[in-house]
Protein backbone atom coordinates (compact mmCIF):
# COMPACT_ATOMS: atom_id res chain seq x y z
CA MET A 1 -2.37 25.41 -10.53
CA ASP A 2 -5.35 23.05 -9.83
CA THR A 3 -8.67 23.94 -8.21
CA PRO A 4 -7.41 23.58 -4.59
CA GLY A 5 -4.47 25.78 -5.61
CA GLU A 6 -6.75 28.51 -6.97
CA MET A 7 -8.85 28.21 -3.84
CA LYS A 8 -5.77 28.57 -1.64
CA ALA A 9 -4.57 31.63 -3.58
CA PHE A 10 -7.95 33.32 -3.08
CA VAL A 11 -8.17 32.46 0.63
CA ARG A 12 -4.63 33.68 1.38
CA ALA A 13 -5.26 36.92 -0.51
CA VAL A 14 -8.32 37.57 1.64
CA GLU A 15 -6.61 36.51 4.89
CA LEU A 16 -3.53 38.69 4.28
CA GLY A 17 -5.45 41.62 2.83
CA GLY A 18 -3.88 41.81 -0.59
CA PHE A 19 -2.17 40.10 -3.48
CA SER A 20 1.37 41.19 -2.63
CA ALA A 21 1.42 39.65 0.86
CA ALA A 22 -0.34 36.50 -0.34
CA ALA A 23 2.05 36.16 -3.28
CA ARG A 24 5.04 36.32 -0.95
CA ASP A 25 3.46 33.72 1.32
CA LEU A 26 2.79 31.34 -1.59
CA ASP A 27 6.08 32.07 -3.39
CA LEU A 28 4.30 33.56 -6.41
CA THR A 29 4.37 36.94 -8.14
CA PRO A 30 1.46 39.33 -7.41
CA SER A 31 0.42 39.23 -11.06
CA ALA A 32 0.39 35.41 -11.06
CA LEU A 33 -1.75 35.34 -7.95
CA SER A 34 -4.12 37.94 -9.41
CA LYS A 35 -4.51 35.84 -12.56
CA LEU A 36 -5.36 32.76 -10.44
CA THR A 37 -8.11 34.66 -8.70
CA THR A 38 -9.46 36.01 -11.99
CA ARG A 39 -9.44 32.48 -13.45
CA LEU A 40 -11.34 31.23 -10.41
CA GLU A 41 -13.98 33.95 -10.85
CA ASP A 42 -14.28 33.18 -14.55
CA ARG A 43 -14.73 29.47 -13.88
CA LEU A 44 -17.37 30.11 -11.21
CA GLY A 45 -19.09 32.80 -13.27
CA VAL A 46 -19.33 35.24 -10.34
CA ARG A 47 -17.29 38.13 -8.97
CA LEU A 48 -15.72 37.21 -5.64
CA MET A 49 -14.02 40.47 -4.75
CA ASN A 50 -13.76 44.13 -5.65
CA ARG A 51 -10.16 45.25 -5.99
CA THR A 52 -8.88 48.72 -5.07
CA THR A 53 -5.36 50.03 -4.71
CA ARG A 54 -5.68 49.87 -0.91
CA LYS A 55 -7.63 46.73 -0.13
CA LEU A 56 -9.75 43.82 -1.29
CA ALA A 57 -13.47 43.91 -0.61
CA LEU A 58 -15.42 40.67 -0.80
CA THR A 59 -18.75 40.51 -2.60
CA ALA A 60 -21.63 38.58 -1.03
CA GLU A 61 -20.67 35.62 -3.21
CA GLY A 62 -17.05 36.09 -2.15
CA GLU A 63 -17.98 36.01 1.54
CA ALA A 64 -19.84 32.72 1.09
CA TYR A 65 -17.08 31.19 -1.04
CA PHE A 66 -14.37 32.32 1.39
CA ALA A 67 -16.07 30.63 4.36
CA SER A 68 -16.55 27.35 2.45
CA ALA A 69 -13.11 27.40 0.84
CA LYS A 70 -11.36 28.01 4.16
CA ARG A 71 -13.20 25.07 5.71
CA ILE A 72 -12.34 22.81 2.76
CA LEU A 73 -8.65 23.74 2.83
CA THR A 74 -8.56 23.06 6.57
CA GLU A 75 -10.08 19.62 6.01
CA ILE A 76 -7.53 18.87 3.28
CA ALA A 77 -4.68 19.87 5.58
CA ASP A 78 -6.14 17.76 8.39
CA ALA A 79 -6.52 14.74 6.09
CA GLU A 80 -2.92 15.00 4.91
CA ALA A 81 -1.69 15.40 8.47
CA GLU A 82 -3.68 12.34 9.53
CA VAL A 83 -2.23 10.19 6.73
CA THR A 84 1.26 11.36 7.63
CA ARG A 85 0.57 10.47 11.25
CA PHE A 86 -0.59 6.99 10.19
CA ALA A 87 2.74 6.45 8.43
CA SER A 88 4.68 7.04 11.63
CA HIS A 89 1.94 5.72 13.96
CA PRO A 90 0.05 2.92 12.18
CA LYS A 91 -3.42 2.26 13.50
CA GLY A 92 -6.49 0.20 12.72
CA LEU A 93 -7.35 -3.44 12.02
CA LEU A 94 -4.70 -5.74 10.50
CA ARG A 95 -5.77 -9.25 9.46
CA VAL A 96 -2.93 -11.78 9.50
CA ASN A 97 -2.96 -15.37 8.23
CA VAL A 98 -0.18 -17.66 9.45
CA GLY A 99 0.63 -21.38 9.54
CA ALA A 100 0.48 -23.19 12.87
CA ALA A 101 4.21 -23.91 13.18
CA PHE A 102 5.56 -20.40 12.71
CA GLY A 103 2.50 -18.82 14.27
CA LEU A 104 2.62 -20.74 17.54
CA HIS A 105 6.38 -21.10 17.95
CA GLN A 106 7.61 -17.70 16.77
CA LEU A 107 4.99 -15.10 15.83
CA VAL A 108 2.81 -15.26 18.93
CA PRO A 109 5.76 -14.91 21.39
CA ALA A 110 6.99 -11.87 19.40
CA LEU A 111 3.62 -10.09 19.14
CA PRO A 112 3.75 -8.36 22.56
CA LYS A 113 6.78 -6.42 21.31
CA PHE A 114 4.95 -5.47 18.10
CA LEU A 115 1.84 -4.34 19.97
CA GLU A 116 3.91 -2.34 22.43
CA ARG A 117 5.60 -0.58 19.52
CA PHE A 118 2.33 -0.01 17.62
CA PRO A 119 -0.38 0.20 20.29
CA GLU A 120 -3.03 1.57 17.90
CA VAL A 121 -2.89 -1.50 15.62
CA GLU A 122 -5.57 -4.15 16.18
CA LEU A 123 -4.63 -7.69 15.13
CA ASP A 124 -7.01 -10.36 13.85
CA ILE A 125 -4.94 -13.56 13.52
CA THR A 126 -6.01 -16.71 11.69
CA VAL A 127 -3.81 -19.75 12.35
CA THR A 128 -4.21 -22.40 9.67
CA ASP A 129 -2.04 -24.62 7.50
CA ARG A 130 -4.59 -24.35 4.69
CA LEU A 131 -3.43 -22.22 1.76
CA VAL A 132 -5.95 -19.39 1.69
CA ASP A 133 -6.95 -16.83 -0.93
CA LEU A 134 -5.98 -13.54 0.72
CA VAL A 135 -8.40 -11.43 -1.30
CA GLU A 136 -11.39 -13.74 -0.83
CA GLU A 137 -10.81 -14.10 2.90
CA GLY A 138 -9.94 -10.46 3.49
CA ALA A 139 -6.46 -11.07 4.87
CA ASP A 140 -4.00 -8.20 4.71
CA VAL A 141 -0.85 -10.31 5.20
CA ALA A 142 -0.07 -14.02 5.14
CA ILE A 143 3.13 -15.62 6.43
CA ARG A 144 3.97 -18.59 4.23
CA ASN A 145 6.80 -21.06 3.85
CA SER A 146 6.22 -21.85 0.21
CA VAL A 147 7.11 -20.57 -3.24
CA LEU A 148 4.85 -17.75 -4.43
CA ARG A 149 2.85 -18.76 -7.50
CA ASP A 150 0.13 -16.08 -7.54
CA SER A 151 1.24 -13.08 -9.61
CA SER A 152 -1.40 -10.88 -7.94
CA LEU A 153 0.54 -11.10 -4.68
CA VAL A 154 3.80 -9.60 -3.47
CA ALA A 155 6.23 -11.59 -1.30
CA LYS A 156 8.82 -10.11 1.05
CA LYS A 157 11.31 -12.78 2.09
CA ILE A 158 11.90 -13.00 5.82
CA CYS A 159 14.47 -15.80 5.93
CA ASP A 160 15.15 -19.40 4.87
CA LEU A 161 13.95 -22.33 6.96
CA HIS A 162 16.06 -25.50 7.13
CA ARG A 163 14.52 -28.93 7.47
CA VAL A 164 15.95 -31.26 10.12
CA VAL A 165 15.62 -35.02 10.60
CA CYS A 166 15.23 -35.77 14.30
CA ALA A 167 13.66 -37.97 16.96
CA SER A 168 13.34 -38.16 20.72
CA PRO A 169 16.13 -39.74 22.81
CA GLY A 170 13.53 -42.25 24.02
CA TYR A 171 12.72 -43.41 20.51
CA LEU A 172 16.39 -43.70 19.57
CA LYS A 173 17.20 -45.64 22.74
CA LYS A 174 14.39 -48.09 22.05
CA HIS A 175 14.75 -48.51 18.28
CA GLY A 176 18.39 -47.61 17.64
CA ILE A 177 20.02 -44.82 15.69
CA PRO A 178 19.87 -45.05 11.88
CA LYS A 179 23.46 -45.00 10.61
CA THR A 180 22.68 -44.44 6.93
CA PRO A 181 19.78 -42.86 5.00
CA GLY A 182 18.71 -46.32 3.83
CA ALA A 183 18.36 -47.44 7.44
CA LEU A 184 15.39 -45.07 7.77
CA LEU A 185 13.35 -47.71 5.93
CA GLU A 186 13.57 -49.82 9.08
CA HIS A 187 12.18 -47.00 11.24
CA ASN A 188 8.80 -45.36 11.85
CA CYS A 189 9.05 -42.06 9.97
CA ILE A 190 5.95 -39.94 10.42
CA SER A 191 5.01 -37.20 7.98
CA ILE A 192 2.45 -34.66 6.78
CA SER A 193 -0.66 -36.22 5.26
CA GLY A 194 -1.78 -35.05 1.85
CA ALA A 195 1.79 -34.13 0.83
CA PRO A 196 3.43 -37.27 -0.60
CA GLN A 197 6.48 -35.26 -1.71
CA LEU A 198 7.32 -34.69 1.96
CA ARG A 199 7.78 -38.46 2.42
CA ARG A 200 10.76 -38.31 0.02
CA TRP A 201 13.65 -37.28 2.28
CA PRO A 202 16.76 -36.02 0.39
CA PHE A 203 20.35 -36.84 1.28
CA ASP A 204 23.66 -35.74 -0.23
CA THR A 205 25.82 -38.50 -1.71
CA PRO A 206 28.99 -38.46 -3.84
CA SER A 207 26.79 -38.99 -6.90
CA GLY A 208 24.34 -36.21 -6.00
CA THR A 209 21.11 -35.89 -4.05
CA GLU A 210 19.29 -39.16 -3.45
CA PHE A 211 15.86 -39.65 -1.93
CA VAL A 212 14.55 -42.14 0.60
CA GLU A 213 10.80 -42.84 0.44
CA VAL A 214 10.07 -43.18 4.16
CA ARG A 215 7.15 -44.99 5.76
CA GLY A 216 5.31 -44.68 9.04
CA ASN A 217 2.17 -45.69 10.89
CA VAL A 218 0.98 -42.13 11.56
CA SER A 219 0.46 -39.02 9.46
CA ALA A 220 -1.11 -35.69 10.35
CA ASN A 221 -2.27 -32.61 8.51
CA ASN A 222 -0.05 -30.22 10.49
CA ALA A 223 3.50 -30.11 11.77
CA GLU A 224 2.56 -29.33 15.36
CA THR A 225 0.89 -32.73 15.71
CA LEU A 226 3.95 -34.49 14.30
CA LEU A 227 6.17 -32.58 16.74
CA GLN A 228 4.15 -33.77 19.72
CA LEU A 229 4.12 -37.34 18.42
CA ALA A 230 7.89 -37.32 17.97
CA ALA A 231 8.40 -35.81 21.42
CA ASN A 232 6.46 -38.75 22.83
CA GLY A 233 8.64 -41.30 21.06
CA VAL A 234 6.30 -42.33 18.26
CA GLY A 235 8.75 -41.90 15.39
CA ILE A 236 11.25 -39.87 13.37
CA ILE A 237 10.25 -36.54 11.83
CA ARG A 238 11.64 -34.21 9.20
CA LEU A 239 10.42 -30.68 9.88
CA THR A 240 11.78 -27.15 9.62
CA ASP A 241 14.09 -25.83 12.29
CA VAL A 242 11.55 -23.16 13.25
CA ILE A 243 9.48 -26.04 14.67
CA VAL A 244 12.09 -28.38 16.11
CA GLY A 245 14.73 -25.83 17.21
CA ASP A 246 13.39 -25.45 20.76
CA GLY A 247 13.19 -29.22 21.20
CA ILE A 248 16.76 -29.77 20.00
CA ARG A 249 18.04 -26.95 22.22
CA ALA A 250 16.21 -28.41 25.24
CA GLY A 251 17.37 -31.96 24.49
CA TRP A 252 14.03 -33.66 23.99
CA LEU A 253 14.77 -33.97 20.27
CA ARG A 254 18.06 -35.07 18.71
CA PRO A 255 19.08 -34.50 15.07
CA ILE A 256 19.88 -37.54 12.94
CA LEU A 257 22.10 -38.00 9.86
CA SER A 258 22.90 -34.27 9.77
CA ASP A 259 26.23 -34.88 8.03
CA VAL A 260 24.44 -36.20 4.92
CA HIS A 261 20.95 -34.74 5.16
CA HIS A 262 20.08 -32.18 2.47
CA VAL A 263 18.50 -29.32 4.45
CA GLU A 264 16.48 -28.13 1.44
CA PRO A 265 16.02 -24.45 2.42
CA VAL A 266 12.41 -23.27 2.42
CA PRO A 267 11.77 -19.53 1.97
CA LEU A 268 9.60 -17.94 4.66
CA SER A 269 7.85 -14.84 3.31
CA ALA A 270 5.30 -12.20 4.19
CA VAL A 271 2.77 -12.23 1.36
CA TYR A 272 0.23 -9.50 0.61
CA PRO A 273 -1.87 -8.24 -2.33
CA HIS A 274 -0.50 -5.57 -4.66
CA GLY A 275 -1.17 -2.13 -3.23
CA LYS A 276 -1.16 -3.29 0.39
CA HIS A 277 2.51 -2.27 0.72
CA LYS A 278 1.25 1.32 0.89
CA SER A 279 -0.68 0.53 4.06
CA PRO A 280 1.31 1.70 7.12
CA ARG A 281 -0.10 -1.24 9.10
CA VAL A 282 1.13 -3.80 6.58
CA ALA A 283 4.51 -2.09 6.23
CA ALA A 284 4.91 -1.99 10.01
CA LEU A 285 4.28 -5.73 10.39
CA VAL A 286 6.43 -6.77 7.42
CA ASN A 287 9.36 -4.65 8.62
CA PHE A 288 8.92 -6.06 12.12
CA LEU A 289 8.97 -9.64 10.83
CA VAL A 290 12.21 -9.06 8.92
CA GLU A 291 13.76 -7.30 11.89
CA GLN A 292 12.85 -10.09 14.32
CA PHE A 293 13.38 -13.19 12.21
CA ALA A 294 15.82 -12.48 9.37
CA ASP A 295 18.66 -14.11 11.34
CA ALA A 296 16.51 -17.16 12.26
CA PRO A 297 16.81 -16.78 16.07
CA TRP A 298 15.44 -20.30 16.61
CA ARG A 299 18.70 -21.56 15.09
CA GLN A 300 20.86 -19.87 17.72
CA GLY A 301 22.37 -22.38 20.11
CA VAL A 302 21.09 -25.28 18.00
CA ASN A 303 23.79 -27.30 16.23
CA THR A 304 22.30 -29.62 13.67
CA SER A 305 25.52 -29.92 11.69
CA ARG A 306 26.76 -32.63 14.01
CA GLY A 307 23.71 -34.69 14.67
CA LEU A 308 23.72 -38.37 15.45
CA ALA A 309 25.16 -40.42 12.61
C-alpha cells in the first residue's frame, strides 16, 4: 500500500478505536493493518500510538499526525470528487478556433443549446480562416475542414462536406445556364484567393475525373464573401454545402451541373492537441459537435443531385 494508504489505515484505526474494526472497514486483516501502521511509524521514525488489548492510545506525535493526516485525506477525497463532478458537469474556459463558414452558419446557431446543457463552461471563440497553431495560440479545439497533417494533434471526424457549384437565379437569367463543364469558361467563376487548386473544378466523365480551370474577375480570402457576391449575382461559386445549403433551400442560389459535378467530399473534424481529450470541456464540445452535425443537417431538404444542367 502507498503512503496515502498507510495514512488511511492509521486514521481509520484511530477513528474506529482498534485494528479489527478498521480492518473490516478497509477489507484487510487485522494483522495486515497492524503491519501498515508499524511500517508508517518506522518510516517516520516516531511512535504514533501505544497499543493495549483494549484500546489504542495516541502519543503526542500521533495526535499531531492524526490531525494532519485526516485533513490531507479529506482534501484528497474532495479533489477526487471535484474531478468526478467535472466529468459529468464540465466547467471553465474553453478556447475554440473555427473557420468563418462553419462558425457563422452552423456553430454559432447551435451554441445556445451547448451552453444550456453545460452552463458552467465559458467559451472564447476565434473565427478565422487562417490555419492556426493550436499550441502557440492556446486554443483547446479547432474545427477544420482539411486533412490533418500535424502528428501532434488528434482529429475527431464530425462529417463530410460536399462542394456544390451554384449561382443566383438573377445571374443565370442574365448570363444563361452552363450546359457543360466546358461552358464554365464563358462565365464569371469567383473563387478563394491564395488557393489556386480551388480554381480547378472537377467533373465526372466517362473517361474519369476531368478538371476545368475557371476564371473570374473577383476573388476573396474567405467563403462568406464569395457567398454574398454570388447572392448578388456577381458570378458562379463552388463552395461546400455547409455554406450554400441555406441559400439553395431558400431559392436564392441554384445548383449547376450537379449530374456531372464531382462533389469531392471534405472531412470536417474537431482537432485538438494530444492529452486534451482527457479534458471534460473538450470532450463535451467534441461529443456535442458529432451529435449535432454528423448527419449534415444543412443538407436536409436541399437536393443538389438534380441541379440545373
